[in-house]
Amino acid sequence: MATVTFDTHKFVKTLEAAGVPASQAEAISNAVKEAHDSAEVATKADLRELELRLTIKLGTIVVVALGAFTALSKWIA
């Protein structure tokens, strides 16, 4: 999984602009950063890669199934 960037400085400045004291803004920023660091987040690229792998697997299953049905229909008929 890819990492999601988090601008702690900008986050602190946003909190301070809203009236949050600097020490609290820093503490909140650190807590949010730690939460982001420990979370496993799927990015759009991760989802596209998964979609491609699933499409290939599904295509393989369809080809194998059609081959099996064709062989069975010739054997039965």
PDB file of N, CA and C in Angstrom:
ATOM      1  N   MET A   1       0.823  -1.174   0.000  1.00  0.00           N
ATOM      2  CA  MET A   1       0.000   0.000   0.000  1.00  0.00           C
ATOM      3  C   MET A   1       0.878   1.252   0.000  1.00  0.00           C
ATOM      4  N   ALA A   2       0.382   2.264  -0.631  1.00  0.00           N
ATOM      5  CA  ALA A   2       1.114   3.518  -0.689  1.00  0.00           C
ATOM      6  C   ALA A   2       0.876   4.343   0.571  1.00  0.00           C
ATOM      7  N   THR A   3       1.760   5.281   0.767  1.00  0.00           N
ATOM      8  CA  THR A   3       1.618   6.152   1.930  1.00  0.00           C
ATOM      9  C   THR A   3       0.823   7.394   1.550  1.00  0.00           C
ATOM     10  N   VAL A   4       0.002   7.833   2.463  1.00  0.00           N
ATOM     11  CA  VAL A   4      -0.767   9.054   2.261  1.00  0.00           C
ATOM     12  C   VAL A   4      -0.038  10.173   2.994  1.00  0.00           C
ATOM     13  N   THR A   5       0.306  11.235   2.265  1.00  0.00           N
ATOM     14  CA  THR A   5       1.047  12.328   2.890  1.00  0.00           C
ATOM     15  C   THR A   5       0.120  13.183   3.731  1.00  0.00           C
ATOM     16  N   PHE A   6       0.678  13.737   4.803  1.00  0.00           N
ATOM     17  CA  PHE A   6      -0.093  14.585   5.710  1.00  0.00           C
ATOM     18  C   PHE A   6       0.784  15.758   6.106  1.00  0.00           C
ATOM     19  N   ASP A   7       0.368  16.957   5.769  1.00  0.00           N
ATOM     20  CA  ASP A   7       1.129  18.175   6.051  1.00  0.00           C
ATOM     21  C   ASP A   7       0.799  18.647   7.465  1.00  0.00           C
ATOM     22  N   THR A   8       1.638  18.249   8.419  1.00  0.00           N
ATOM     23  CA  THR A   8       1.364  18.593   9.822  1.00  0.00           C
ATOM     24  C   THR A   8       1.482  20.090  10.061  1.00  0.00           C
ATOM     25  N   HIS A   9       2.423  20.742   9.390  1.00  0.00           N
ATOM     26  CA  HIS A   9       2.598  22.184   9.597  1.00  0.00           C
ATOM     27  C   HIS A   9       1.342  22.947   9.163  1.00  0.00           C
ATOM     28  N   LYS A  10       0.841  22.607   7.993  1.00  0.00           N
ATOM     29  CA  LYS A  10      -0.372  23.268   7.494  1.00  0.00           C
ATOM     30  C   LYS A  10      -1.561  22.979   8.414  1.00  0.00           C
ATOM     31  N   PHE A  11      -1.637  21.746   8.915  1.00  0.00           N
ATOM     32  CA  PHE A  11      -2.726  21.368   9.819  1.00  0.00           C
ATOM     33  C   PHE A  11      -2.662  22.186  11.102  1.00  0.00           C
ATOM     34  N   VAL A  12      -1.454  22.335  11.668  1.00  0.00           N
ATOM     35  CA  VAL A  12      -1.277  23.127  12.895  1.00  0.00           C
ATOM     36  C   VAL A  12      -1.672  24.577  12.635  1.00  0.00           C
ATOM     37  N   LYS A  13      -1.231  25.135  11.516  1.00  0.00           N
ATOM     38  CA  LYS A  13      -1.559  26.528  11.196  1.00  0.00           C
ATOM     39  C   LYS A  13      -3.068  26.718  11.013  1.00  0.00           C
ATOM     40  N   THR A  14      -3.735  25.734  10.427  1.00  0.00           N
ATOM     41  CA  THR A  14      -5.190  25.808  10.260  1.00  0.00           C
ATOM     42  C   THR A  14      -5.886  25.806  11.617  1.00  0.00           C
ATOM     43  N   LEU A  15      -5.430  24.934  12.517  1.00  0.00           N
ATOM     44  CA  LEU A  15      -6.017  24.890  13.853  1.00  0.00           C
ATOM     45  C   LEU A  15      -5.766  26.196  14.611  1.00  0.00           C
ATOM     46  N   GLU A  16      -4.550  26.707  14.511  1.00  0.00           N
ATOM     47  CA  GLU A  16      -4.222  27.960  15.194  1.00  0.00           C
ATOM     48  C   GLU A  16      -5.060  29.120  14.648  1.00  0.00           C
ATOM     49  N   ALA A  17      -5.279  29.136  13.338  1.00  0.00           N
ATOM     50  CA  ALA A  17      -6.102  30.183  12.724  1.00  0.00           C
ATOM     51  C   ALA A  17      -7.544  30.117  13.209  1.00  0.00           C
ATOM     52  N   ALA A  18      -7.964  28.908  13.618  1.00  0.00           N
ATOM     53  CA  ALA A  18      -9.325  28.740  14.131  1.00  0.00           C
ATOM     54  C   ALA A  18      -9.410  29.026  15.634  1.00  0.00           C
ATOM     55  N   GLY A  19      -8.270  29.401  16.224  1.00  0.00           N
ATOM     56  CA  GLY A  19      -8.285  29.773  17.630  1.00  0.00           C
ATOM     57  C   GLY A  19      -7.799  28.710  18.596  1.00  0.00           C
ATOM     58  N   VAL A  20      -7.287  27.610  18.103  1.00  0.00           N
ATOM     59  CA  VAL A  20      -6.767  26.552  18.969  1.00  0.00           C
ATOM     60  C   VAL A  20      -5.365  26.959  19.420  1.00  0.00           C
ATOM     61  N   PRO A  21      -5.077  26.884  20.731  1.00  0.00           N
ATOM     62  CA  PRO A  21      -3.733  27.231  21.206  1.00  0.00           C
ATOM     63  C   PRO A  21      -2.670  26.358  20.534  1.00  0.00           C
ATOM     64  N   ALA A  22      -1.462  26.912  20.362  1.00  0.00           N
ATOM     65  CA  ALA A  22      -0.383  26.243  19.626  1.00  0.00           C
ATOM     66  C   ALA A  22      -0.058  24.872  20.200  1.00  0.00           C
ATOM     67  N   SER A  23       0.020  24.753  21.528  1.00  0.00           N
ATOM     68  CA  SER A  23       0.373  23.459  22.128  1.00  0.00           C
ATOM     69  C   SER A  23      -0.701  22.406  21.848  1.00  0.00           C
ATOM     70  N   GLN A  24      -1.961  22.816  21.890  1.00  0.00           N
ATOM     71  CA  GLN A  24      -3.041  21.873  21.586  1.00  0.00           C
ATOM     72  C   GLN A  24      -3.044  21.519  20.095  1.00  0.00           C
ATOM     73  N   ALA A  25      -2.786  22.511  19.262  1.00  0.00           N
ATOM     74  CA  ALA A  25      -2.738  22.260  17.816  1.00  0.00           C
ATOM     75  C   ALA A  25      -1.640  21.259  17.485  1.00  0.00           C
ATOM     76  N   GLU A  26      -0.477  21.408  18.124  1.00  0.00           N
ATOM     77  CA  GLU A  26       0.623  20.461  17.912  1.00  0.00           C
ATOM     78  C   GLU A  26       0.237  19.060  18.366  1.00  0.00           C
ATOM     79  N   ALA A  27      -0.394  18.956  19.539  1.00  0.00           N
ATOM     80  CA  ALA A  27      -0.785  17.650  20.073  1.00  0.00           C
ATOM     81  C   ALA A  27      -1.818  16.979  19.165  1.00  0.00           C
ATOM     82  N   ILE A  28      -2.777  17.745  18.695  1.00  0.00           N
ATOM     83  CA  ILE A  28      -3.807  17.198  17.797  1.00  0.00           C
ATOM     84  C   ILE A  28      -3.162  16.743  16.490  1.00  0.00           C
ATOM     85  N   SER A  29      -2.253  17.567  15.982  1.00  0.00           N
ATOM     86  CA  SER A  29      -1.563  17.227  14.736  1.00  0.00           C
ATOM     87  C   SER A  29      -0.768  15.939  14.880  1.00  0.00           C
ATOM     88  N   ASN A  30      -0.052  15.799  15.987  1.00  0.00           N
ATOM     89  CA  ASN A  30       0.717  14.569  16.216  1.00  0.00           C
ATOM     90  C   ASN A  30      -0.188  13.355  16.331  1.00  0.00           C
ATOM     91  N   ALA A  31      -1.322  13.501  17.006  1.00  0.00           N
ATOM     92  CA  ALA A  31      -2.255  12.381  17.151  1.00  0.00           C
ATOM     93  C   ALA A  31      -2.823  11.956  15.797  1.00  0.00           C
ATOM     94  N   VAL A  32      -3.183  12.936  14.971  1.00  0.00           N
ATOM     95  CA  VAL A  32      -3.732  12.629  13.647  1.00  0.00           C
ATOM     96  C   VAL A  32      -2.662  11.972  12.770  1.00  0.00           C
ATOM     97  N   LYS A  33      -1.417  12.483  12.841  1.00  0.00           N
ATOM     98  CA  LYS A  33      -0.320  11.896  12.051  1.00  0.00           C
ATOM     99  C   LYS A  33      -0.076  10.448  12.461  1.00  0.00           C
ATOM    100  N   GLU A  34      -0.062  10.173  13.765  1.00  0.00           N
ATOM    101  CA  GLU A  34       0.132   8.797  14.228  1.00  0.00           C
ATOM    102  C   GLU A  34      -1.002   7.893  13.767  1.00  0.00           C
ATOM    103  N   ALA A  35      -2.230   8.414  13.766  1.00  0.00           N
ATOM    104  CA  ALA A  35      -3.367   7.626  13.287  1.00  0.00           C
ATOM    105  C   ALA A  35      -3.217   7.321  11.800  1.00  0.00           C
ATOM    106  N   HIS A  36      -2.761   8.299  11.034  1.00  0.00           N
ATOM    107  CA  HIS A  36      -2.544   8.086   9.598  1.00  0.00           C
ATOM    108  C   HIS A  36      -1.438   7.074   9.364  1.00  0.00           C
ATOM    109  N   ASP A  37      -0.363   7.169  10.158  1.00  0.00           N
ATOM    110  CA  ASP A  37       0.765   6.262   9.980  1.00  0.00           C
ATOM    111  C   ASP A  37       0.401   4.813  10.272  1.00  0.00           C
ATOM    112  N   SER A  38      -0.496   4.605  11.222  1.00  0.00           N
ATOM    113  CA  SER A  38      -0.842   3.235  11.602  1.00  0.00           C
ATOM    114  C   SER A  38      -1.982   2.659  10.762  1.00  0.00           C
ATOM    115  N   ALA A  39      -2.681   3.509  10.021  1.00  0.00           N
ATOM    116  CA  ALA A  39      -3.808   3.037   9.212  1.00  0.00           C
ATOM    117  C   ALA A  39      -3.315   2.488   7.878  1.00  0.00           C
ATOM    118  N   GLU A  40      -3.914   1.405   7.434  1.00  0.00           N
ATOM    119  CA  GLU A  40      -3.626   0.874   6.105  1.00  0.00           C
ATOM    120  C   GLU A  40      -4.696   1.396   5.163  1.00  0.00           C
ATOM    121  N   VAL A  41      -4.284   2.279   4.287  1.00  0.00           N
ATOM    122  CA  VAL A  41      -5.216   2.959   3.399  1.00  0.00           C
ATOM    123  C   VAL A  41      -4.939   2.533   1.963  1.00  0.00           C
ATOM    124  N   ALA A  42      -5.986   2.171   1.256  1.00  0.00           N
ATOM    125  CA  ALA A  42      -5.852   1.821  -0.152  1.00  0.00           C
ATOM    126  C   ALA A  42      -5.992   3.089  -0.987  1.00  0.00           C
ATOM    127  N   THR A  43      -5.039   3.307  -1.861  1.00  0.00           N
ATOM    128  CA  THR A  43      -5.104   4.465  -2.747  1.00  0.00           C
ATOM    129  C   THR A  43      -5.844   4.082  -4.031  1.00  0.00           C
ATOM    130  N   LYS A  44      -6.126   5.078  -4.841  1.00  0.00           N
ATOM    131  CA  LYS A  44      -6.777   4.813  -6.129  1.00  0.00           C
ATOM    132  C   LYS A  44      -5.917   3.889  -6.984  1.00  0.00           C
ATOM    133  N   ALA A  45      -4.614   4.083  -6.923  1.00  0.00           N
ATOM    134  CA  ALA A  45      -3.704   3.219  -7.694  1.00  0.00           C
ATOM    135  C   ALA A  45      -3.786   1.781  -7.200  1.00  0.00           C
ATOM    136  N   ASP A  46      -3.864   1.601  -5.882  1.00  0.00           N
ATOM    137  CA  ASP A  46      -4.010   0.250  -5.322  1.00  0.00           C
ATOM    138  C   ASP A  46      -5.295  -0.403  -5.821  1.00  0.00           C
ATOM    139  N   LEU A  47      -6.374   0.363  -5.848  1.00  0.00           N
ATOM    140  CA  LEU A  47      -7.660  -0.183  -6.295  1.00  0.00           C
ATOM    141  C   LEU A  47      -7.643  -0.506  -7.788  1.00  0.00           C
ATOM    142  N   ARG A  48      -6.982   0.339  -8.592  1.00  0.00           N
ATOM    143  CA  ARG A  48      -6.870   0.049 -10.032  1.00  0.00           C
ATOM    144  C   ARG A  48      -6.067  -1.226 -10.268  1.00  0.00           C
ATOM    145  N   GLU A  49      -4.982  -1.400  -9.509  1.00  0.00           N
ATOM    146  CA  GLU A  49      -4.170  -2.615  -9.638  1.00  0.00           C
ATOM    147  C   GLU A  49      -4.982  -3.846  -9.260  1.00  0.00           C
ATOM    148  N   LEU A  50      -5.748  -3.756  -8.191  1.00  0.00           N
ATOM    149  CA  LEU A  50      -6.594  -4.872  -7.771  1.00  0.00           C
ATOM    150  C   LEU A  50      -7.645  -5.180  -8.825  1.00  0.00           C
ATOM    151  N   GLU A  51      -8.247  -4.125  -9.388  1.00  0.00           N
ATOM    152  CA  GLU A  51      -9.258  -4.325 -10.430  1.00  0.00           C
ATOM    153  C   GLU A  51      -8.657  -5.051 -11.634  1.00  0.00           C
ATOM    154  N   LEU A  52      -7.451  -4.665 -12.034  1.00  0.00           N
ATOM    155  CA  LEU A  52      -6.790  -5.315 -13.165  1.00  0.00           C
ATOM    156  C   LEU A  52      -6.525  -6.781 -12.872  1.00  0.00           C
ATOM    157  N   ARG A  53      -6.010  -7.078 -11.671  1.00  0.00           N
ATOM    158  CA  ARG A  53      -5.729  -8.474 -11.307  1.00  0.00           C
ATOM    159  C   ARG A  53      -7.014  -9.300 -11.282  1.00  0.00           C
ATOM    160  N   LEU A  54      -8.093  -8.736 -10.760  1.00  0.00           N
ATOM    161  CA  LEU A  54      -9.359  -9.469 -10.716  1.00  0.00           C
ATOM    162  C   LEU A  54      -9.924  -9.684 -12.114  1.00  0.00           C
ATOM    163  N   THR A  55      -9.770  -8.690 -12.981  1.00  0.00           N
ATOM    164  CA  THR A  55     -10.245  -8.820 -14.363  1.00  0.00           C
ATOM    165  C   THR A  55      -9.495  -9.944 -15.075  1.00  0.00           C
ATOM    166  N   ILE A  56      -8.192  -9.999 -14.881  1.00  0.00           N
ATOM    167  CA  ILE A  56      -7.392 -11.065 -15.501  1.00  0.00           C
ATOM    168  C   ILE A  56      -7.803 -12.430 -14.965  1.00  0.00           C
ATOM    169  N   LYS A  57      -7.997 -12.534 -13.653  1.00  0.00           N
ATOM    170  CA  LYS A  57      -8.408 -13.816 -13.065  1.00  0.00           C
ATOM    171  C   LYS A  57      -9.786 -14.236 -13.561  1.00  0.00           C
ATOM    172  N   LEU A  58     -10.715 -13.276 -13.635  1.00  0.00           N
ATOM    173  CA  LEU A  58     -12.057 -13.601 -14.112  1.00  0.00           C
ATOM    174  C   LEU A  58     -12.012 -14.029 -15.578  1.00  0.00           C
ATOM    175  N   GLY A  59     -11.210 -13.347 -16.387  1.00  0.00           N
ATOM    176  CA  GLY A  59     -11.067 -13.722 -17.791  1.00  0.00           C
ATOM    177  C   GLY A  59     -10.518 -15.128 -17.937  1.00  0.00           C
ATOM    178  N   THR A  60      -9.550 -15.468 -17.092  1.00  0.00           N
ATOM    179  CA  THR A  60      -8.982 -16.817 -17.115  1.00  0.00           C
ATOM    180  C   THR A  60     -10.039 -17.861 -16.768  1.00  0.00           C
ATOM    181  N   ILE A  61     -10.826 -17.561 -15.750  1.00  0.00           N
ATOM    182  CA  ILE A  61     -11.892 -18.490 -15.349  1.00  0.00           C
ATOM    183  C   ILE A  61     -12.891 -18.688 -16.483  1.00  0.00           C
ATOM    184  N   VAL A  62     -13.267 -17.613 -17.165  1.00  0.00           N
ATOM    185  CA  VAL A  62     -14.232 -17.708 -18.264  1.00  0.00           C
ATOM    186  C   VAL A  62     -13.664 -18.551 -19.402  1.00  0.00           C
ATOM    187  N   VAL A  63     -12.396 -18.330 -19.753  1.00  0.00           N
ATOM    188  CA  VAL A  63     -11.773 -19.089 -20.842  1.00  0.00           C
ATOM    189  C   VAL A  63     -11.701 -20.570 -20.491  1.00  0.00           C
ATOM    190  N   VAL A  64     -11.304 -20.893 -19.267  1.00  0.00           N
ATOM    191  CA  VAL A  64     -11.214 -22.290 -18.840  1.00  0.00           C
ATOM    192  C   VAL A  64     -12.610 -22.927 -18.833  1.00  0.00           C
ATOM    193  N   ALA A  65     -13.605 -22.202 -18.339  1.00  0.00           N
ATOM    194  CA  ALA A  65     -14.973 -22.740 -18.297  1.00  0.00           C
ATOM    195  C   ALA A  65     -15.500 -23.000 -19.710  1.00  0.00           C
ATOM    196  N   LEU A  66     -15.271 -22.061 -20.618  1.00  0.00           N
ATOM    197  CA  LEU A  66     -15.728 -22.264 -21.994  1.00  0.00           C
ATOM    198  C   LEU A  66     -15.025 -23.453 -22.642  1.00  0.00           C
ATOM    199  N   GLY A  67     -13.745 -23.604 -22.381  1.00  0.00           N
ATOM    200  CA  GLY A  67     -13.013 -24.752 -22.902  1.00  0.00           C
ATOM    201  C   GLY A  67     -13.555 -26.054 -22.352  1.00  0.00           C
ATOM    202  N   ALA A  68     -13.858 -26.067 -21.054  1.00  0.00           N
ATOM    203  CA  ALA A  68     -14.400 -27.276 -20.432  1.00  0.00           C
ATOM    204  C   ALA A  68     -15.774 -27.608 -21.004  1.00  0.00           C
ATOM    205  N   PHE A  69     -16.625 -26.599 -21.163  1.00  0.00           N
ATOM    206  CA  PHE A  69     -17.965 -26.843 -21.719  1.00  0.00           C
ATOM    207  C   PHE A  69     -17.886 -27.323 -23.160  1.00  0.00           C
ATOM    208  N   THR A  70     -16.954 -26.757 -23.932  1.00  0.00           N
ATOM    209  CA  THR A  70     -16.790 -27.186 -25.320  1.00  0.00           C
ATOM    210  C   THR A  70     -16.331 -28.645 -25.368  1.00  0.00           C
ATOM    211  N   ALA A  71     -15.377 -28.994 -24.532  1.00  0.00           N
ATOM    212  CA  ALA A  71     -14.891 -30.382 -24.504  1.00  0.00           C
ATOM    213  C   ALA A  71     -15.989 -31.333 -24.057  1.00  0.00           C
ATOM    214  N   LEU A  72     -16.742 -30.948 -23.051  1.00  0.00           N
ATOM    215  CA  LEU A  72     -17.832 -31.818 -22.568  1.00  0.00           C
ATOM    216  C   LEU A  72     -18.930 -31.982 -23.599  1.00  0.00           C
ATOM    217  N   SER A  73     -19.257 -30.869 -24.301  1.00  0.00           N
ATOM    218  CA  SER A  73     -20.336 -30.968 -25.296  1.00  0.00           C
ATOM    219  C   SER A  73     -19.921 -31.877 -26.462  1.00  0.00           C
ATOM    220  N   LYS A  74     -18.654 -31.893 -26.835  1.00  0.00           N
ATOM    221  CA  LYS A  74     -18.190 -32.773 -27.897  1.00  0.00           C
ATOM    222  C   LYS A  74     -18.145 -34.221 -27.405  1.00  0.00           C
ATOM    223  N   TRP A  75     -17.794 -34.433 -26.157  1.00  0.00           N
ATOM    224  CA  TRP A  75     -17.710 -35.774 -25.584  1.00  0.00           C
ATOM    225  C   TRP A  75     -19.102 -36.365 -25.392  1.00  0.00           C
ATOM    226  N   ILE A  76     -20.069 -35.538 -24.974  1.00  0.00           N
ATOM    227  CA  ILE A  76     -21.432 -36.012 -24.725  1.00  0.00           C
ATOM    228  C   ILE A  76     -22.173 -36.246 -26.057  1.00  0.00           C
ATOM    229  N   ALA A  77     -21.975 -35.395 -27.034  1.00  0.00           N
ATOM    230  CA  ALA A  77     -22.720 -35.478 -28.293  1.00  0.00           C
ATOM    231  C   ALA A  77     -22.228 -36.520 -29.190  1.00  0.00           C
TER     232      ALA A  77
END
